[in-house]
């Protein structure tokens, strides 16, 4: 079985599945969408979520 060393370093390889993020142009907040298309969470500091694919 293949591994991505080093183990236990706390980061992910690839994007989180079934989630995406979109930037609200008015408030400049990145917002996450869940698998059902509903908005889940907004990020207060203005940077995008790590490991979540961006919508176009």
PDB file of N, CA and C in Angstrom:
ATOM      1  N   UNK A   1       0.838  -1.178   0.000  1.00  0.00           N
ATOM      2  CA  UNK A   1       0.000   0.000   0.000  1.00  0.00           C
ATOM      3  C   UNK A   1       0.882   1.240   0.000  1.00  0.00           C
ATOM      4  N   UNK A   2       0.527   2.212  -0.828  1.00  0.00           N
ATOM      5  CA  UNK A   2       1.302   3.442  -0.931  1.00  0.00           C
ATOM      6  C   UNK A   2       0.946   4.392   0.203  1.00  0.00           C
ATOM      7  N   UNK A   3       1.932   5.145   0.639  1.00  0.00           N
ATOM      8  CA  UNK A   3       1.714   6.162   1.676  1.00  0.00           C
ATOM      9  C   UNK A   3       2.287   7.486   1.195  1.00  0.00           C
ATOM     10  N   UNK A   4       1.838   8.547   1.797  1.00  0.00           N
ATOM     11  CA  UNK A   4       2.358   9.878   1.518  1.00  0.00           C
ATOM     12  C   UNK A   4       3.142  10.335   2.736  1.00  0.00           C
ATOM     13  N   UNK A   5       4.448  10.053   2.794  1.00  0.00           N
ATOM     14  CA  UNK A   5       5.220  10.384   3.985  1.00  0.00           C
ATOM     15  C   UNK A   5       5.405  11.881   4.127  1.00  0.00           C
ATOM     16  N   UNK A   6       5.666  12.428   5.275  1.00  0.00           N
ATOM     17  CA  UNK A   6       5.685  11.723   6.545  1.00  0.00           C
ATOM     18  C   UNK A   6       4.279  11.561   7.120  1.00  0.00           C
ATOM     19  N   UNK A   7       4.049  10.473   7.783  1.00  0.00           N
ATOM     20  CA  UNK A   7       2.733  10.223   8.375  1.00  0.00           C
ATOM     21  C   UNK A   7       2.510  11.131   9.582  1.00  0.00           C
ATOM     22  N   UNK A   8       1.263  11.528   9.782  1.00  0.00           N
ATOM     23  CA  UNK A   8       0.916  12.297  10.972  1.00  0.00           C
ATOM     24  C   UNK A   8       1.336  13.746  10.943  1.00  0.00           C
ATOM     25  N   UNK A   9       1.626  14.307   9.762  1.00  0.00           N
ATOM     26  CA  UNK A   9       2.049  15.702   9.735  1.00  0.00           C
ATOM     27  C   UNK A   9       0.873  16.663   9.605  1.00  0.00           C
ATOM     28  N   UNK A  10      -0.364  16.142   9.545  1.00  0.00           N
ATOM     29  CA  UNK A  10      -1.557  16.984   9.667  1.00  0.00           C
ATOM     30  C   UNK A  10      -1.984  17.711   8.416  1.00  0.00           C
ATOM     31  N   UNK A  11      -1.596  17.246   7.230  1.00  0.00           N
ATOM     32  CA  UNK A  11      -2.099  17.895   6.026  1.00  0.00           C
ATOM     33  C   UNK A  11      -2.639  16.867   5.050  1.00  0.00           C
ATOM     34  N   UNK A  12      -3.430  17.353   4.117  1.00  0.00           N
ATOM     35  CA  UNK A  12      -4.168  16.509   3.188  1.00  0.00           C
ATOM     36  C   UNK A  12      -3.546  16.616   1.801  1.00  0.00           C
ATOM     37  N   UNK A  13      -3.605  15.515   1.060  1.00  0.00           N
ATOM     38  CA  UNK A  13      -3.221  15.512  -0.347  1.00  0.00           C
ATOM     39  C   UNK A  13      -4.497  15.512  -1.174  1.00  0.00           C
ATOM     40  N   UNK A  14      -4.740  16.561  -1.944  1.00  0.00           N
ATOM     41  CA  UNK A  14      -5.942  16.661  -2.750  1.00  0.00           C
ATOM     42  C   UNK A  14      -7.017  17.461  -2.058  1.00  0.00           C
ATOM     43  N   UNK A  15      -8.116  17.679  -2.780  1.00  0.00           N
ATOM     44  CA  UNK A  15      -9.207  18.513  -2.281  1.00  0.00           C
ATOM     45  C   UNK A  15     -10.225  17.686  -1.510  1.00  0.00           C
ATOM     46  N   UNK A  16     -10.987  18.360  -0.644  1.00  0.00           N
ATOM     47  CA  UNK A  16     -12.089  17.723   0.075  1.00  0.00           C
ATOM     48  C   UNK A  16     -13.172  17.411  -0.944  1.00  0.00           C
ATOM     49  N   UNK A  17     -13.710  16.214  -0.912  1.00  0.00           N
ATOM     50  CA  UNK A  17     -14.720  15.824  -1.897  1.00  0.00           C
ATOM     51  C   UNK A  17     -16.088  16.376  -1.511  1.00  0.00           C
ATOM     52  N   UNK A  18     -16.911  16.603  -2.536  1.00  0.00           N
ATOM     53  CA  UNK A  18     -18.312  17.043  -2.392  1.00  0.00           C
ATOM     54  C   UNK A  18     -18.460  18.412  -1.729  1.00  0.00           C
ATOM     55  N   UNK A  19     -17.402  19.221  -1.759  1.00  0.00           N
ATOM     56  CA  UNK A  19     -17.503  20.581  -1.229  1.00  0.00           C
ATOM     57  C   UNK A  19     -16.839  21.542  -2.195  1.00  0.00           C
ATOM     58  N   UNK A  20     -17.305  22.771  -2.181  1.00  0.00           N
ATOM     59  CA  UNK A  20     -16.693  23.813  -2.997  1.00  0.00           C
ATOM     60  C   UNK A  20     -16.798  25.121  -2.235  1.00  0.00           C
ATOM     61  N   UNK A  21     -16.123  26.137  -2.737  1.00  0.00           N
ATOM     62  CA  UNK A  21     -16.188  27.446  -2.094  1.00  0.00           C
ATOM     63  C   UNK A  21     -16.345  28.515  -3.152  1.00  0.00           C
ATOM     64  N   UNK A  22     -16.987  29.584  -2.750  1.00  0.00           N
ATOM     65  CA  UNK A  22     -17.235  30.705  -3.655  1.00  0.00           C
ATOM     66  C   UNK A  22     -16.994  31.999  -2.882  1.00  0.00           C
ATOM     67  N   UNK A  23     -16.467  33.004  -3.577  1.00  0.00           N
ATOM     68  CA  UNK A  23     -16.203  34.306  -2.965  1.00  0.00           C
ATOM     69  C   UNK A  23     -17.403  35.206  -3.158  1.00  0.00           C
ATOM     70  N   UNK A  24     -17.908  35.771  -2.061  1.00  0.00           N
ATOM     71  CA  UNK A  24     -18.981  36.758  -2.137  1.00  0.00           C
ATOM     72  C   UNK A  24     -18.327  38.096  -2.495  1.00  0.00           C
ATOM     73  N   UNK A  25     -18.623  38.655  -3.674  1.00  0.00           N
ATOM     74  CA  UNK A  25     -17.920  39.871  -4.092  1.00  0.00           C
ATOM     75  C   UNK A  25     -18.276  41.107  -3.275  1.00  0.00           C
ATOM     76  N   UNK A  26     -19.407  41.111  -2.622  1.00  0.00           N
ATOM     77  CA  UNK A  26     -19.816  42.283  -1.848  1.00  0.00           C
ATOM     78  C   UNK A  26     -19.136  42.303  -0.485  1.00  0.00           C
ATOM     79  N   UNK A  27     -19.174  41.162   0.220  1.00  0.00           N
ATOM     80  CA  UNK A  27     -18.613  41.106   1.574  1.00  0.00           C
ATOM     81  C   UNK A  27     -17.172  40.633   1.605  1.00  0.00           C
ATOM     82  N   UNK A  28     -16.656  40.098   0.469  1.00  0.00           N
ATOM     83  CA  UNK A  28     -15.282  39.567   0.374  1.00  0.00           C
ATOM     84  C   UNK A  28     -15.048  38.421   1.344  1.00  0.00           C
ATOM     85  N   UNK A  29     -16.073  37.582   1.560  1.00  0.00           N
ATOM     86  CA  UNK A  29     -15.973  36.420   2.440  1.00  0.00           C
ATOM     87  C   UNK A  29     -16.088  35.161   1.604  1.00  0.00           C
ATOM     88  N   UNK A  30     -15.181  34.201   1.819  1.00  0.00           N
ATOM     89  CA  UNK A  30     -15.265  32.905   1.164  1.00  0.00           C
ATOM     90  C   UNK A  30     -16.292  32.062   1.903  1.00  0.00           C
ATOM     91  N   UNK A  31     -17.212  31.453   1.150  1.00  0.00           N
ATOM     92  CA  UNK A  31     -18.290  30.666   1.726  1.00  0.00           C
ATOM     93  C   UNK A  31     -18.221  29.250   1.175  1.00  0.00           C
ATOM     94  N   UNK A  32     -18.353  28.267   2.068  1.00  0.00           N
ATOM     95  CA  UNK A  32     -18.296  26.854   1.689  1.00  0.00           C
ATOM     96  C   UNK A  32     -19.685  26.346   1.357  1.00  0.00           C
ATOM     97  N   UNK A  33     -19.777  25.478   0.326  1.00  0.00           N
ATOM     98  CA  UNK A  33     -21.017  24.802  -0.045  1.00  0.00           C
ATOM     99  C   UNK A  33     -20.876  23.323   0.241  1.00  0.00           C
ATOM    100  N   UNK A  34     -21.906  22.727   0.798  1.00  0.00           N
ATOM    101  CA  UNK A  34     -21.901  21.305   1.104  1.00  0.00           C
ATOM    102  C   UNK A  34     -22.348  20.467  -0.075  1.00  0.00           C
ATOM    103  N   UNK A  35     -22.437  19.157   0.112  1.00  0.00           N
ATOM    104  CA  UNK A  35     -22.821  18.265  -0.981  1.00  0.00           C
ATOM    105  C   UNK A  35     -24.243  18.496  -1.490  1.00  0.00           C
ATOM    106  N   UNK A  36     -25.117  19.066  -0.672  1.00  0.00           N
ATOM    107  CA  UNK A  36     -26.493  19.318  -1.110  1.00  0.00           C
ATOM    108  C   UNK A  36     -26.663  20.704  -1.740  1.00  0.00           C
ATOM    109  N   UNK A  37     -25.587  21.477  -1.857  1.00  0.00           N
ATOM    110  CA  UNK A  37     -25.644  22.793  -2.487  1.00  0.00           C
ATOM    111  C   UNK A  37     -25.936  23.932  -1.543  1.00  0.00           C
ATOM    112  N   UNK A  38     -26.209  23.630  -0.276  1.00  0.00           N
ATOM    113  CA  UNK A  38     -26.496  24.689   0.700  1.00  0.00           C
ATOM    114  C   UNK A  38     -25.188  25.262   1.245  1.00  0.00           C
ATOM    115  N   UNK A  39     -25.233  26.546   1.605  1.00  0.00           N
ATOM    116  CA  UNK A  39     -24.061  27.184   2.190  1.00  0.00           C
ATOM    117  C   UNK A  39     -23.855  26.678   3.602  1.00  0.00           C
ATOM    118  N   UNK A  40     -22.595  26.360   3.929  1.00  0.00           N
ATOM    119  CA  UNK A  40     -22.277  25.782   5.226  1.00  0.00           C
ATOM    120  C   UNK A  40     -21.642  26.793   6.179  1.00  0.00           C
ATOM    121  N   UNK A  41     -20.594  27.478   5.688  1.00  0.00           N
ATOM    122  CA  UNK A  41     -19.755  28.237   6.588  1.00  0.00           C
ATOM    123  C   UNK A  41     -19.095  29.373   5.819  1.00  0.00           C
ATOM    124  N   UNK A  42     -18.825  30.471   6.491  1.00  0.00           N
ATOM    125  CA  UNK A  42     -18.093  31.582   5.907  1.00  0.00           C
ATOM    126  C   UNK A  42     -16.802  31.807   6.665  1.00  0.00           C
ATOM    127  N   UNK A  43     -15.771  32.269   5.963  1.00  0.00           N
ATOM    128  CA  UNK A  43     -14.468  32.480   6.588  1.00  0.00           C
ATOM    129  C   UNK A  43     -14.271  33.965   6.858  1.00  0.00           C
ATOM    130  N   UNK A  44     -14.019  34.313   8.099  1.00  0.00           N
ATOM    131  CA  UNK A  44     -14.027  35.712   8.531  1.00  0.00           C
ATOM    132  C   UNK A  44     -12.784  36.493   8.110  1.00  0.00           C
ATOM    133  N   UNK A  45     -11.639  35.821   7.923  1.00  0.00           N
ATOM    134  CA  UNK A  45     -10.412  36.581   7.679  1.00  0.00           C
ATOM    135  C   UNK A  45     -10.174  36.927   6.215  1.00  0.00           C
ATOM    136  N   UNK A  46     -11.048  36.494   5.300  1.00  0.00           N
ATOM    137  CA  UNK A  46     -10.931  36.880   3.901  1.00  0.00           C
ATOM    138  C   UNK A  46     -10.054  35.996   3.046  1.00  0.00           C
ATOM    139  N   UNK A  47      -9.445  34.955   3.626  1.00  0.00           N
ATOM    140  CA  UNK A  47      -8.633  34.024   2.846  1.00  0.00           C
ATOM    141  C   UNK A  47      -9.465  32.805   2.505  1.00  0.00           C
ATOM    142  N   UNK A  48      -9.170  32.125   1.398  1.00  0.00           N
ATOM    143  CA  UNK A  48      -9.953  30.936   1.044  1.00  0.00           C
ATOM    144  C   UNK A  48      -9.677  29.762   1.965  1.00  0.00           C
ATOM    145  N   UNK A  49     -10.628  28.821   2.025  1.00  0.00           N
ATOM    146  CA  UNK A  49     -10.451  27.602   2.803  1.00  0.00           C
ATOM    147  C   UNK A  49      -9.370  26.756   2.162  1.00  0.00           C
ATOM    148  N   UNK A  50      -8.568  26.076   2.986  1.00  0.00           N
ATOM    149  CA  UNK A  50      -7.534  25.184   2.471  1.00  0.00           C
ATOM    150  C   UNK A  50      -8.152  23.850   2.092  1.00  0.00           C
ATOM    151  N   UNK A  51      -7.775  23.341   0.920  1.00  0.00           N
ATOM    152  CA  UNK A  51      -8.204  22.013   0.516  1.00  0.00           C
ATOM    153  C   UNK A  51      -9.616  21.905  -0.003  1.00  0.00           C
ATOM    154  N   UNK A  52     -10.277  23.033  -0.277  1.00  0.00           N
ATOM    155  CA  UNK A  52     -11.643  23.017  -0.814  1.00  0.00           C
ATOM    156  C   UNK A  52     -11.572  23.653  -2.199  1.00  0.00           C
ATOM    157  N   UNK A  53     -12.133  22.974  -3.207  1.00  0.00           N
ATOM    158  CA  UNK A  53     -12.048  23.476  -4.567  1.00  0.00           C
ATOM    159  C   UNK A  53     -12.912  24.725  -4.750  1.00  0.00           C
ATOM    160  N   UNK A  54     -12.464  25.604  -5.625  1.00  0.00           N
ATOM    161  CA  UNK A  54     -13.150  26.870  -5.875  1.00  0.00           C
ATOM    162  C   UNK A  54     -14.124  26.711  -7.046  1.00  0.00           C
ATOM    163  N   UNK A  55     -15.280  27.354  -6.940  1.00  0.00           N
ATOM    164  CA  UNK A  55     -16.246  27.370  -8.039  1.00  0.00           C
ATOM    165  C   UNK A  55     -15.827  28.425  -9.038  1.00  0.00           C
ATOM    166  N   UNK A  56     -16.230  28.229 -10.268  1.00  0.00           N
ATOM    167  CA  UNK A  56     -15.881  29.212 -11.298  1.00  0.00           C
ATOM    168  C   UNK A  56     -17.034  30.125 -11.604  1.00  0.00           C
TER     169      UNK A  56
END
